[in-house]
Amino acid sequence: MLTVVSDTHSTDTHRLSGRTLEAVRDAEVVVHAGDFMRESVLEGFEREASRLLGVTGNNDDAAIRRRLPEARTLTFGGCTFAVTHTRRGGPTALSLFGRQRDADVVLFGHSHRPTYDPGGEVVLVNPGSHAQPRGNRAAHAEFEARGTGVSGRLLTVDGEVFEEFTVAPSA
């Protein structure tokens, strides 16, 4: 399983709980789409996850910026995922970012709003924020390899699935 979180916005701990904490502990790979805020929070995620791939967010301190890139690409379940915190220009800029990396999915954060958007050339997924939802559902995303491609879902911290989808790798 690939677990995706974002926008922790903490100065001391990872603030993981419930199903989100279980998903981080159970995942083969955990992606954090930025805004840990402090290095101690990044280190807390590293203790919980068997493999953590993070990117920096606009609120991350200098220690995190020295350790993590602004963007990265990974492959899971035959699909290519491009990860960033945000891109000026909204969905169009995110889609362009994904196309430049031959991605099937762009994982992003920043808005704290869990989002699944299949409308462009690249699927856009924002896991929301598990710790500071700002009026949205506290959430994360999970992906599982399924033959060719992945199945994905957005879940609340309590484990309620509120969006399910599949992504096939591009040819």
Protein backbone atom coordinates (compact mmCIF):
# COMPACT_ATOMS: atom_id res chain seq x y z
CA MET A 1 0.00 0.00 0.00
CA LEU A 2 1.03 3.59 -0.72
CA THR A 3 -0.25 6.08 1.87
CA VAL A 4 -0.32 9.81 1.13
CA VAL A 5 -0.57 12.59 3.73
CA SER A 6 0.03 16.33 3.64
CA ASP A 7 -0.17 19.56 5.58
CA THR A 8 0.64 18.36 9.08
CA HIS A 9 1.48 21.91 10.23
CA SER A 10 3.01 20.88 13.53
CA THR A 11 5.88 22.19 15.58
CA ASP A 12 6.46 19.07 17.66
CA THR A 13 4.77 15.78 16.66
CA HIS A 14 3.44 13.99 13.57
CA ARG A 15 -0.16 14.35 14.84
CA LEU A 16 -1.09 10.99 13.29
CA SER A 17 -4.04 9.13 14.78
CA GLY A 18 -6.72 6.56 13.97
CA ARG A 19 -6.77 5.00 10.52
CA THR A 20 -4.20 7.50 9.25
CA LEU A 21 -1.63 6.31 11.78
CA GLU A 22 -2.42 2.67 10.92
CA ALA A 23 -2.08 3.40 7.20
CA VAL A 24 1.30 5.08 7.69
CA ARG A 25 2.57 2.15 9.74
CA ASP A 26 1.21 -0.47 7.29
CA ALA A 27 2.32 1.18 4.03
CA GLU A 28 5.16 0.01 1.82
CA VAL A 29 5.71 3.67 1.00
CA VAL A 30 4.44 6.86 2.64
CA VAL A 31 4.39 10.10 0.67
CA HIS A 32 4.13 13.42 2.50
CA ALA A 33 3.19 16.26 0.15
CA GLY A 34 4.73 19.03 2.25
CA ASP A 35 4.19 21.31 5.22
CA PHE A 36 5.58 19.20 8.03
CA MET A 37 6.80 22.58 9.43
CA ARG A 38 9.60 21.44 11.76
CA GLU A 39 12.34 18.82 11.43
CA SER A 40 11.10 17.02 14.57
CA VAL A 41 7.80 16.37 12.76
CA LEU A 42 9.65 14.91 9.74
CA GLU A 43 11.63 12.70 12.12
CA GLY A 44 8.40 11.55 13.77
CA PHE A 45 7.10 10.42 10.37
CA GLU A 46 10.37 8.66 9.67
CA ARG A 47 9.97 6.66 12.90
CA GLU A 48 6.43 5.55 11.96
CA ALA A 49 6.92 4.79 8.24
CA SER A 50 9.04 1.98 6.82
CA ARG A 51 9.82 4.22 3.81
CA LEU A 52 9.01 7.94 3.71
CA LEU A 53 9.25 10.08 0.57
CA GLY A 54 8.49 13.71 1.31
CA VAL A 55 8.65 17.05 -0.44
CA THR A 56 8.92 20.52 1.03
CA GLY A 57 5.96 22.80 1.52
CA ASN A 58 5.76 26.56 1.77
CA ASN A 59 5.74 26.44 5.61
CA ASP A 60 8.66 24.04 6.10
CA ASP A 61 11.73 25.24 7.97
CA ALA A 62 15.30 25.40 6.64
CA ALA A 63 16.24 22.02 8.14
CA ILE A 64 13.51 20.29 6.14
CA ARG A 65 14.45 22.22 2.99
CA ARG A 66 18.00 20.91 3.31
CA ARG A 67 16.76 17.32 3.56
CA LEU A 68 13.87 17.14 1.08
CA PRO A 69 13.32 18.18 -2.55
CA GLU A 70 10.54 20.49 -3.74
CA ALA A 71 9.27 17.75 -6.06
CA ARG A 72 9.86 14.07 -6.73
CA THR A 73 8.65 11.21 -8.88
CA LEU A 74 8.02 7.60 -7.87
CA THR A 75 6.49 4.46 -9.34
CA PHE A 76 3.95 2.30 -7.54
CA GLY A 77 1.65 -0.36 -8.98
CA GLY A 78 2.91 0.37 -12.49
CA CYS A 79 1.80 4.02 -12.25
CA THR A 80 4.07 7.03 -12.10
CA PHE A 81 3.33 9.55 -9.36
CA ALA A 82 4.70 13.12 -9.41
CA VAL A 83 4.69 14.82 -6.01
CA THR A 84 4.71 18.51 -5.18
CA HIS A 85 3.20 20.69 -2.48
CA THR A 86 1.67 23.26 -4.81
CA ARG A 87 2.07 24.95 -8.17
CA ARG A 88 0.96 28.48 -9.06
CA GLY A 89 -1.71 28.21 -11.72
CA GLY A 90 -3.93 25.61 -10.06
CA PRO A 91 -5.05 22.43 -11.85
CA THR A 92 -3.54 23.50 -15.18
CA ALA A 93 -0.09 24.00 -13.64
CA LEU A 94 -0.38 20.74 -11.68
CA SER A 95 -1.33 18.87 -14.86
CA LEU A 96 1.61 20.40 -16.72
CA PHE A 97 3.92 19.44 -13.82
CA GLY A 98 2.66 15.84 -14.13
CA ARG A 99 2.97 15.71 -17.92
CA GLN A 100 6.56 17.00 -17.72
CA ARG A 101 7.33 13.98 -15.53
CA ASP A 102 5.33 11.46 -17.61
CA ALA A 103 3.13 10.92 -14.55
CA ASP A 104 -0.20 9.19 -14.34
CA VAL A 105 -1.03 10.89 -11.03
CA VAL A 106 0.01 14.17 -9.40
CA LEU A 107 -0.03 14.13 -5.61
CA PHE A 108 -0.19 17.59 -4.06
CA GLY A 109 -1.16 19.41 -0.88
CA HIS A 110 -1.50 23.04 0.22
CA SER A 111 -5.29 23.53 0.13
CA HIS A 112 -6.03 21.06 2.97
CA ARG A 113 -9.01 19.92 0.87
CA PRO A 114 -9.11 16.22 -0.05
CA THR A 115 -9.51 16.11 -3.81
CA TYR A 116 -9.73 13.56 -6.61
CA ASP A 117 -9.78 15.21 -10.05
CA PRO A 118 -9.66 12.91 -13.11
CA GLY A 119 -10.65 15.70 -15.51
CA GLY A 120 -7.31 16.47 -17.15
CA GLU A 121 -4.56 14.54 -18.88
CA VAL A 122 -3.17 13.60 -15.45
CA VAL A 123 -5.19 12.51 -12.40
CA LEU A 124 -4.82 15.01 -9.54
CA VAL A 125 -5.06 13.83 -5.92
CA ASN A 126 -4.78 15.93 -2.79
CA PRO A 127 -4.98 13.82 0.39
CA GLY A 128 -6.15 16.79 2.43
CA SER A 129 -4.75 17.32 5.90
CA HIS A 130 -4.93 14.66 8.60
CA ALA A 131 -4.06 17.18 11.32
CA GLN A 132 -5.35 20.62 10.30
CA PRO A 133 -8.30 20.23 7.92
CA ARG A 134 -9.34 23.92 7.97
CA GLY A 135 -13.05 23.26 7.58
CA ASN A 136 -12.58 20.16 5.39
CA ARG A 137 -12.58 16.52 6.44
CA ALA A 138 -9.39 15.40 8.20
CA ALA A 139 -8.16 12.89 5.64
CA HIS A 140 -5.44 10.98 3.82
CA ALA A 141 -5.19 8.89 0.63
CA GLU A 142 -4.38 5.22 0.13
CA PHE A 143 -3.39 3.40 -3.07
CA GLU A 144 -3.14 -0.34 -3.68
CA ALA A 145 -1.55 -2.07 -6.66
CA ARG A 146 -4.19 -3.90 -8.73
CA GLY A 147 -2.82 -5.88 -11.66
CA THR A 148 -2.26 -3.08 -14.10
CA GLY A 149 -2.64 0.17 -12.21
CA VAL A 150 -3.83 1.18 -8.79
CA SER A 151 -7.03 1.55 -6.85
CA GLY A 152 -7.20 4.64 -4.72
CA ARG A 153 -9.38 6.04 -1.99
CA LEU A 154 -9.71 9.10 0.17
CA LEU A 155 -10.45 8.33 3.82
CA THR A 156 -11.14 10.23 6.99
CA VAL A 157 -8.88 9.81 10.00
CA ASP A 158 -11.63 7.54 11.40
CA GLY A 159 -11.42 5.27 8.35
CA GLU A 160 -14.55 6.36 6.48
CA VAL A 161 -13.98 6.02 2.73
CA PHE A 162 -15.58 8.95 0.93
CA GLU A 163 -14.02 8.67 -2.55
CA GLU A 164 -12.87 5.59 -4.50
CA PHE A 165 -11.20 5.50 -7.90
CA THR A 166 -8.82 3.56 -10.15
CA VAL A 167 -5.88 4.73 -12.22
CA ALA A 168 -4.36 2.84 -15.14
CA PRO A 169 -0.82 3.58 -16.26
CA SER A 170 -0.48 5.51 -19.49
CA ALA A 171 0.73 3.57 -22.48
